[in-house]
Amino acid sequence: MPKRNSSVVGREFGQGVRDAIEQSGMTQRRLAELLDWQEAKMSDAVNGKGGITEVELIRLLS
């Protein structure tokens, strides 16, 4: 699997996702389970490393 680098925009997005997860009372692990994602995928998303499709983004935000 290729190494993913983060970007400023990605890190800002990730911070917003982390804030939303925290406000929901869920953990990243639980959200990954609900989305049927591997924890590494969730970690990449919240660390601004991308790796999610537009459809996955819509599922994440809903």
Protein backbone atom coordinates (compact mmCIF):
# COMPACT_ATOMS: atom_id res chain seq x y z
CA MET A 1 0.00 0.00 0.00
CA PRO A 2 1.44 3.41 -0.90
CA LYS A 3 2.45 5.79 1.84
CA ARG A 4 -0.05 8.62 2.20
CA ASN A 5 1.06 12.10 3.13
CA SER A 6 -1.17 14.61 4.82
CA SER A 7 -1.91 18.10 3.59
CA VAL A 8 -2.99 21.24 5.42
CA VAL A 9 -6.51 20.93 4.03
CA GLY A 10 -6.58 17.23 4.92
CA ARG A 11 -5.43 17.90 8.48
CA GLU A 12 -8.08 20.61 8.90
CA PHE A 13 -10.72 18.20 7.59
CA GLY A 14 -9.43 15.52 9.94
CA GLN A 15 -9.64 17.86 12.92
CA GLY A 16 -13.26 18.59 12.03
CA VAL A 17 -13.99 14.86 11.82
CA ARG A 18 -12.30 14.25 15.19
CA ASP A 19 -14.34 17.07 16.75
CA ALA A 20 -17.58 15.63 15.32
CA ILE A 21 -16.70 12.14 16.56
CA GLU A 22 -15.96 13.50 20.03
CA GLN A 23 -19.23 15.46 20.13
CA SER A 24 -21.15 12.34 19.10
CA GLY A 25 -19.78 10.43 22.08
CA MET A 26 -18.42 7.68 19.81
CA THR A 27 -14.88 6.50 19.40
CA GLN A 28 -13.01 6.31 16.11
CA ARG A 29 -13.03 2.54 16.53
CA ARG A 30 -16.80 2.40 16.93
CA LEU A 31 -17.37 4.68 13.95
CA ALA A 32 -15.05 2.52 11.83
CA GLU A 33 -17.10 -0.52 12.84
CA LEU A 34 -20.37 1.20 11.91
CA LEU A 35 -18.96 2.20 8.52
CA ASP A 36 -17.42 -1.25 8.00
CA TRP A 37 -13.98 0.34 7.61
CA GLN A 38 -10.65 -0.85 8.90
CA GLU A 39 -9.37 1.25 11.79
CA ALA A 40 -6.37 2.25 9.64
CA LYS A 41 -8.72 3.82 7.09
CA MET A 42 -10.41 5.87 9.81
CA SER A 43 -7.01 6.86 11.18
CA ASP A 44 -5.86 8.02 7.74
CA ALA A 45 -9.04 10.09 7.33
CA VAL A 46 -8.72 11.87 10.68
CA ASN A 47 -5.00 12.44 10.17
CA GLY A 48 -5.55 14.18 6.85
CA LYS A 49 -4.13 11.42 4.70
CA GLY A 50 -7.23 10.92 2.57
CA GLY A 51 -7.97 7.51 1.18
CA ILE A 52 -11.76 7.82 1.15
CA THR A 53 -14.09 8.21 -1.77
CA GLU A 54 -16.84 10.78 -2.16
CA VAL A 55 -19.45 8.13 -1.33
CA GLU A 56 -17.52 7.12 1.81
CA LEU A 57 -17.28 10.78 2.80
CA ILE A 58 -21.05 11.13 2.52
CA ARG A 59 -21.52 8.03 4.72
CA LEU A 60 -19.02 9.38 7.24
CA LEU A 61 -20.72 12.76 7.48
CA SER A 62 -24.20 11.29 7.78
